[in-house]
Amino acid sequence: MKQEFINLISNGVSLDSMYNQTLQNSGIPIIRDFGNVRKRSFSSQWQFWEDLYKNNCIDSYENYLINPYYIGAGNPDSDIIFIGKELAHNPSNNPDLFFLESISNWYLWNEFIKNINFNSVSLSNNSPPNINNLIQNFTTQYQYCPLNPLYSQHINSIRKVFYGRHTWKKEEKIILNSKYSNGILPYNKNNYQFSTNFFSKCFTTELNCVPSKNKGIFIPKNNPRVGFIFNGPMRSFINSFKYIIFGCKTYLSKMNDYQSLISSRFNVQLSKNHNLYRCKKVSDVFFSDNKLVIVCSQISGAARWSDSDLSLLGQSLL
C-alpha cells in the first residue's frame, strides 16, 4: 500500500485518541463511557453501540458522536480520490452504518491491514489474487470492510438504491468513461466483488463530518475535519493521488480563498482554459506535471449531472 496511507493509519492511533478525547469532553456520562469502551474489543464496542441505540442516545447525542477523523473507503492504492460533501447515512435511521462507516473507520482499516499484512502489498492491480475472499472473510468477522463496503449487509439499503441518481452510480459512470474502466462492470445485485466494481479504481471520502441528515450545515472555521483534510496527516494521503476530485463546490465556497488553499496544499496551479470547463458542473481545474485537481458540484442526482458531463469528466482522467 502507499506509504502515505500506511503513515496515515499509523497516525490513526493519535487520531483515534483525539476522537476519544472529544467523547470524554462531552460531559455526558454515557458518551464518556462509550469513549472508554472503544478501547476494548470490537464486539464490546458493538454491544455498547447497540445499547446506545436502544436507549435513544444516538439520536439525542448525535453531534457528540460525530467523528471528524474518519478516513474513507475504497482503494488507497488507486489514482483517483473523490471528496464529497458528507456521508449519506442518517444516524437515526441507520445507526449501524454510522458506527461502521464513520466512527470505526480507522479501527477497521487498521485491523484489515494488520490481520492481512497488507503493508507490503500493492492494490494497484487488484492483487493479491484472493482479494475478494479476504474482503468477504473480513466482512463476515467485522460486518464491514472499508476497502469494499458493498460486501456489508448494512449496505443492503444502498444496494437497493444503487441507481442512476445515487452518488456511487455517478462515480461509477465516471470510472467507466475513463482509462480505468478495464475489468469494471456496472453494479448490479450480483456484482459487488472488489475486483470488478468501481471501488477498486478509486478512494472516496468527504469534506464534512456532519451526516446527510443535517446536510447543508458546514462551518469551516475551527472545523477539525477541514484541518484534517488540508493541514493534517490526511493531506499527504490525498496528495498521493493523481486525480483529486472535490465534489463539494458549495462547501468550498464557504472557505476563505479556497483556490489559493488548494494550490498551496496540493502543489498545483489554477487553469483558466482547461477542456474540462466545457462541463457545466466544473468550476475550477488545477494542474501540475503529474496531478489534476477538479472542483465541481456534488456528484449526485440532486445536482442533475448529465451523462455527457460525467463522460467528459471521466475522459479527462488521462
Protein backbone atom coordinates (compact mmCIF):
# COMPACT_ATOMS: atom_id res chain seq x y z
CA MET A 1 0.00 0.00 0.00
CA LYS A 2 1.05 3.63 -0.45
CA GLN A 3 3.42 4.78 2.24
CA GLU A 4 1.25 7.85 2.77
CA PHE A 5 -1.65 5.60 3.64
CA ILE A 6 0.43 3.43 5.96
CA ASN A 7 1.61 6.61 7.70
CA LEU A 8 -1.99 7.80 7.99
CA ILE A 9 -3.09 4.54 9.58
CA SER A 10 -0.09 4.65 11.91
CA ASN A 11 -1.04 8.18 12.93
CA GLY A 12 -4.55 6.91 13.44
CA VAL A 13 -3.68 5.87 16.98
CA SER A 14 -3.34 9.52 17.93
CA LEU A 15 -6.32 10.48 15.76
CA ASP A 16 -8.47 7.88 17.46
CA SER A 17 -7.27 9.18 20.81
CA MET A 18 -8.30 12.68 19.75
CA TYR A 19 -11.76 11.38 18.88
CA ASN A 20 -11.99 9.58 22.21
CA GLN A 21 -11.00 12.83 23.91
CA THR A 22 -13.92 14.62 22.25
CA LEU A 23 -16.19 11.92 23.67
CA GLN A 24 -14.66 12.42 27.12
CA ASN A 25 -15.09 16.20 26.84
CA SER A 26 -18.79 15.90 26.07
CA GLY A 27 -19.63 15.98 29.77
CA ILE A 28 -22.29 13.32 29.15
CA PRO A 29 -21.65 10.17 31.23
CA ILE A 30 -22.88 7.64 28.68
CA ILE A 31 -20.86 9.28 25.88
CA ARG A 32 -17.76 9.27 28.08
CA ASP A 33 -18.41 5.58 28.76
CA PHE A 34 -18.54 4.92 25.02
CA GLY A 35 -15.08 6.50 24.72
CA ASN A 36 -13.78 4.06 27.31
CA VAL A 37 -15.46 1.07 25.66
CA ARG A 38 -13.82 1.93 22.32
CA LYS A 39 -10.51 0.84 23.86
CA ARG A 40 -11.85 -2.70 24.23
CA SER A 41 -12.65 -5.46 21.73
CA PHE A 42 -14.76 -4.79 18.66
CA SER A 43 -17.57 -6.98 19.98
CA SER A 44 -17.66 -4.92 23.20
CA GLN A 45 -17.84 -1.71 21.20
CA TRP A 46 -20.63 -3.11 19.03
CA GLN A 47 -22.69 -4.24 22.02
CA PHE A 48 -22.35 -0.86 23.72
CA TRP A 49 -23.37 0.86 20.48
CA GLU A 50 -26.47 -1.33 20.27
CA ASP A 51 -27.34 -0.31 23.83
CA LEU A 52 -26.91 3.36 22.91
CA TYR A 53 -29.39 2.87 20.09
CA LYS A 54 -31.91 1.05 22.25
CA ASN A 55 -31.75 3.91 24.77
CA ASN A 56 -32.28 6.54 22.03
CA CYS A 57 -28.88 8.06 22.78
CA ILE A 58 -27.67 8.16 19.18
CA ASP A 59 -30.45 10.47 18.06
CA SER A 60 -30.18 12.59 21.21
CA TYR A 61 -26.39 12.94 21.26
CA GLU A 62 -25.55 12.62 17.56
CA ASN A 63 -23.48 15.82 17.50
CA TYR A 64 -21.24 14.46 20.26
CA LEU A 65 -20.68 11.17 18.40
CA ILE A 66 -19.60 12.62 15.04
CA ASN A 67 -16.06 11.57 14.13
CA PRO A 68 -14.12 14.24 12.19
CA TYR A 69 -11.13 11.90 11.68
CA TYR A 70 -12.59 9.11 9.60
CA ILE A 71 -10.51 8.32 6.51
CA GLY A 72 -12.84 6.91 3.87
CA ALA A 73 -13.50 3.85 1.73
CA GLY A 74 -12.17 2.30 -1.47
CA ASN A 75 -8.73 1.52 -2.85
CA PRO A 76 -5.98 3.62 -1.23
CA ASP A 77 -3.55 2.50 -3.96
CA SER A 78 -5.68 3.89 -6.77
CA ASP A 79 -5.03 7.09 -8.75
CA ILE A 80 -8.41 8.73 -8.11
CA ILE A 81 -9.93 10.20 -4.95
CA PHE A 82 -13.46 11.61 -4.75
CA ILE A 83 -14.00 14.11 -1.91
CA GLY A 84 -17.73 14.64 -1.46
CA LYS A 85 -19.83 16.83 0.80
CA GLU A 86 -20.77 14.38 3.58
CA LEU A 87 -21.62 10.75 4.24
CA ALA A 88 -25.07 9.76 3.05
CA HIS A 89 -26.15 7.84 6.12
CA ASN A 90 -28.75 9.04 8.60
CA PRO A 91 -27.53 8.06 12.09
CA SER A 92 -31.08 7.91 13.41
CA ASN A 93 -32.33 5.58 10.67
CA ASN A 94 -29.16 3.57 10.14
CA PRO A 95 -27.07 3.74 13.31
CA ASP A 96 -25.14 0.57 12.48
CA LEU A 97 -23.79 2.07 9.27
CA PHE A 98 -22.92 5.28 11.16
CA PHE A 99 -20.86 3.18 13.56
CA LEU A 100 -19.14 1.09 10.86
CA GLU A 101 -18.64 3.66 8.12
CA SER A 102 -17.57 6.63 10.23
CA ILE A 103 -16.89 6.03 13.92
CA SER A 104 -14.96 2.77 13.45
CA ASN A 105 -13.33 3.68 10.14
CA TRP A 106 -9.74 3.93 11.35
CA TYR A 107 -10.14 0.87 13.59
CA LEU A 108 -11.38 -1.28 10.70
CA TRP A 109 -8.64 -0.09 8.34
CA ASN A 110 -6.04 -0.83 10.99
CA GLU A 111 -7.44 -4.31 11.65
CA PHE A 112 -7.66 -5.09 7.94
CA ILE A 113 -4.06 -4.11 7.24
CA LYS A 114 -2.79 -5.80 10.41
CA ASN A 115 -4.71 -9.06 10.00
CA ILE A 116 -3.91 -9.50 6.33
CA ASN A 117 -0.41 -8.00 6.44
CA PHE A 118 -1.12 -5.53 3.66
CA ASN A 119 1.80 -3.22 4.38
CA SER A 120 3.91 -4.72 1.60
CA VAL A 121 1.05 -5.46 -0.82
CA SER A 122 0.04 -3.21 -3.70
CA LEU A 123 -3.61 -2.97 -4.68
CA SER A 124 -2.93 -1.04 -7.87
CA ASN A 125 -3.71 -4.15 -9.90
CA ASN A 126 -6.25 -5.66 -7.52
CA SER A 127 -3.63 -8.03 -6.10
CA PRO A 128 -3.40 -10.37 -4.27
CA PRO A 129 -5.47 -12.75 -6.44
CA ASN A 130 -7.62 -13.85 -3.48
CA ILE A 131 -8.57 -10.28 -2.59
CA ASN A 132 -12.32 -10.93 -2.89
CA ASN A 133 -12.15 -13.80 -0.40
CA LEU A 134 -10.03 -11.76 2.00
CA ILE A 135 -12.56 -8.92 1.97
CA GLN A 136 -15.52 -11.25 2.31
CA ASN A 137 -13.96 -13.04 5.29
CA PHE A 138 -13.11 -9.75 6.96
CA THR A 139 -16.65 -8.52 6.41
CA THR A 140 -18.02 -11.69 7.98
CA GLN A 141 -15.94 -11.02 11.08
CA TYR A 142 -16.42 -7.24 11.38
CA GLN A 143 -19.64 -6.67 9.36
CA TYR A 144 -17.95 -4.07 7.14
CA CYS A 145 -14.73 -3.67 5.16
CA PRO A 146 -13.71 -0.13 4.11
CA LEU A 147 -11.78 -1.48 1.11
CA ASN A 148 -15.09 -2.61 -0.42
CA PRO A 149 -18.22 -1.61 1.54
CA LEU A 150 -20.52 -3.42 -0.91
CA TYR A 151 -19.98 -6.76 0.85
CA SER A 152 -21.57 -5.47 4.05
CA GLN A 153 -25.14 -6.46 4.89
CA HIS A 154 -25.57 -2.92 6.22
CA ILE A 155 -25.23 -1.60 2.67
CA ASN A 156 -28.32 -3.55 1.61
CA SER A 157 -30.37 -0.36 1.62
CA ILE A 158 -27.70 1.31 -0.51
CA ARG A 159 -27.72 -1.62 -2.94
CA LYS A 160 -31.43 -1.13 -3.48
CA VAL A 161 -30.94 2.50 -4.43
CA PHE A 162 -27.74 1.98 -6.42
CA TYR A 163 -29.40 3.52 -9.45
CA GLY A 164 -28.71 6.46 -11.72
CA ARG A 165 -29.23 9.21 -9.13
CA HIS A 166 -27.02 7.74 -6.41
CA THR A 167 -23.55 9.24 -5.86
CA TRP A 168 -21.84 5.86 -6.18
CA LYS A 169 -23.56 5.25 -9.51
CA LYS A 170 -22.40 8.65 -10.76
CA GLU A 171 -18.84 7.96 -9.66
CA GLU A 172 -19.02 4.54 -11.27
CA LYS A 173 -20.06 6.17 -14.54
CA ILE A 174 -17.06 8.49 -14.36
CA ILE A 175 -14.77 5.47 -13.91
CA LEU A 176 -16.45 3.58 -16.75
CA ASN A 177 -15.76 6.53 -19.08
CA SER A 178 -12.10 6.73 -18.10
CA LYS A 179 -8.97 4.78 -18.95
CA TYR A 180 -9.52 2.91 -15.65
CA SER A 181 -12.62 1.12 -16.91
CA ASN A 182 -10.86 -2.13 -17.80
CA GLY A 183 -12.41 -5.04 -15.89
CA ILE A 184 -15.07 -2.89 -14.21
CA LEU A 185 -18.68 -3.99 -14.57
CA PRO A 186 -21.71 -1.78 -13.94
CA TYR A 187 -23.07 -2.54 -10.49
CA ASN A 188 -25.98 -4.90 -10.04
CA LYS A 189 -27.17 -7.02 -7.14
CA ASN A 190 -24.96 -9.91 -8.29
CA ASN A 191 -21.81 -7.86 -8.77
CA TYR A 192 -20.15 -6.40 -5.74
CA GLN A 193 -16.78 -8.12 -5.83
CA PHE A 194 -13.89 -5.73 -5.33
CA SER A 195 -12.05 -6.81 -8.47
CA THR A 196 -14.94 -5.82 -10.75
CA ASN A 197 -16.59 -2.84 -9.03
CA PHE A 198 -15.60 0.82 -9.14
CA PHE A 199 -14.25 0.85 -5.55
CA SER A 200 -11.16 -0.98 -6.86
CA LYS A 201 -10.35 2.07 -9.02
CA CYS A 202 -10.87 4.94 -6.59
CA PHE A 203 -10.99 6.12 -2.99
CA THR A 204 -13.88 8.11 -1.50
CA THR A 205 -14.04 10.49 1.45
CA GLU A 206 -15.90 13.64 2.50
CA LEU A 207 -15.12 17.26 3.35
CA ASN A 208 -17.79 17.48 6.05
CA CYS A 209 -18.13 15.20 9.08
CA VAL A 210 -21.78 16.04 9.74
CA PRO A 211 -24.01 13.30 8.24
CA SER A 212 -26.50 13.98 5.46
CA LYS A 213 -29.41 14.20 7.91
CA ASN A 214 -28.06 17.69 8.63
CA LYS A 215 -26.80 18.39 5.10
CA GLY A 216 -26.00 21.98 4.37
CA ILE A 217 -24.51 22.55 7.82
CA PHE A 218 -20.86 23.24 7.11
CA ILE A 219 -18.91 25.73 9.16
CA PRO A 220 -15.25 25.80 8.03
CA LYS A 221 -13.89 27.98 10.85
CA ASN A 222 -12.24 25.90 13.60
CA ASN A 223 -13.59 22.77 11.94
CA PRO A 224 -11.36 19.79 12.86
CA ARG A 225 -12.41 17.96 9.69
CA VAL A 226 -11.20 20.83 7.49
CA GLY A 227 -7.93 20.88 9.41
CA PHE A 228 -7.59 17.12 8.98
CA ILE A 229 -8.11 17.39 5.19
CA PHE A 230 -5.95 20.44 4.42
CA ASN A 231 -3.37 20.59 7.20
CA GLY A 232 -3.33 17.22 8.96
CA PRO A 233 -1.99 13.78 8.01
CA MET A 234 -4.90 13.27 5.59
CA ARG A 235 -3.42 15.91 3.28
CA SER A 236 -0.33 13.85 2.44
CA PHE A 237 -2.53 10.87 1.61
CA ILE A 238 -4.82 12.95 -0.61
CA ASN A 239 -1.77 14.43 -2.31
CA SER A 240 -0.62 10.92 -3.27
CA PHE A 241 -3.46 10.66 -5.81
CA LYS A 242 -3.04 11.66 -9.43
CA TYR A 243 -6.64 12.88 -9.70
CA ILE A 244 -8.31 14.72 -6.81
CA ILE A 245 -11.98 15.47 -7.38
CA PHE A 246 -13.68 17.81 -4.90
CA GLY A 247 -17.39 17.22 -5.45
CA CYS A 248 -18.30 19.83 -2.85
CA LYS A 249 -18.15 23.23 -4.54
CA THR A 250 -20.85 24.76 -2.30
CA TYR A 251 -18.87 23.92 0.84
CA LEU A 252 -15.50 25.02 -0.54
CA SER A 253 -17.05 28.37 -1.50
CA LYS A 254 -17.72 29.00 2.20
CA MET A 255 -13.98 28.83 2.89
CA ASN A 256 -11.73 31.86 2.65
CA ASP A 257 -9.92 31.83 -0.74
CA TYR A 258 -10.23 28.08 -1.29
CA GLN A 259 -8.46 28.36 -4.67
CA SER A 260 -5.24 29.56 -3.04
CA LEU A 261 -5.63 26.91 -0.34
CA ILE A 262 -5.89 24.11 -2.89
CA SER A 263 -2.99 25.50 -4.91
CA SER A 264 -0.67 25.65 -1.92
CA ARG A 265 -1.70 22.42 -0.19
CA PHE A 266 -1.60 20.22 -3.28
CA ASN A 267 1.16 21.97 -5.27
CA VAL A 268 -0.99 22.80 -8.28
CA GLN A 269 -1.90 25.93 -10.20
CA LEU A 270 -5.28 27.12 -11.40
CA SER A 271 -6.00 26.64 -15.11
CA LYS A 272 -8.00 29.28 -16.96
CA ASN A 273 -8.74 27.39 -20.16
CA HIS A 274 -8.84 23.64 -19.43
CA ASN A 275 -11.02 21.47 -21.62
CA LEU A 276 -12.98 20.41 -18.52
CA TYR A 277 -14.61 23.83 -18.31
CA ARG A 278 -16.90 22.51 -21.04
CA CYS A 279 -18.51 20.51 -18.23
CA LYS A 280 -21.18 22.75 -16.72
CA LYS A 281 -20.70 21.31 -13.24
CA VAL A 282 -16.96 22.01 -13.08
CA SER A 283 -15.97 25.35 -11.56
CA ASP A 284 -12.19 25.06 -11.09
CA VAL A 285 -9.40 22.97 -12.60
CA PHE A 286 -5.90 22.90 -11.10
CA PHE A 287 -2.91 21.06 -12.52
CA SER A 288 0.76 20.22 -12.22
CA ASP A 289 3.00 17.91 -14.24
CA ASN A 290 1.57 14.83 -12.52
CA LYS A 291 -1.69 15.92 -10.90
CA LEU A 292 -5.16 17.15 -11.78
CA VAL A 293 -7.43 18.70 -9.13
CA ILE A 294 -11.06 19.29 -10.07
CA VAL A 295 -13.66 21.30 -8.13
CA CYS A 296 -17.24 20.58 -9.15
CA SER A 297 -20.81 20.32 -7.93
CA GLN A 298 -21.81 17.44 -5.69
CA ILE A 299 -21.67 14.26 -7.74
CA SER A 300 -25.23 13.10 -7.17
CA GLY A 301 -28.63 13.02 -8.81
CA ALA A 302 -29.68 16.10 -6.85
CA ALA A 303 -27.07 18.14 -8.75
CA ARG A 304 -28.56 16.97 -12.07
CA TRP A 305 -25.37 15.78 -13.70
CA SER A 306 -25.87 14.85 -17.35
CA ASP A 307 -24.37 11.69 -18.82
CA SER A 308 -22.31 13.83 -21.17
CA ASP A 309 -20.76 15.79 -18.29
CA LEU A 310 -19.96 12.59 -16.38
CA SER A 311 -18.42 11.17 -19.53
CA LEU A 312 -16.33 14.29 -20.09
CA LEU A 313 -15.06 14.16 -16.52
CA GLY A 314 -14.10 10.50 -16.93
CA GLN A 315 -12.34 11.14 -20.22
CA SER A 316 -10.24 13.87 -18.59
CA LEU A 317 -8.58 11.27 -16.33
CA LEU A 318 -5.88 10.63 -18.91
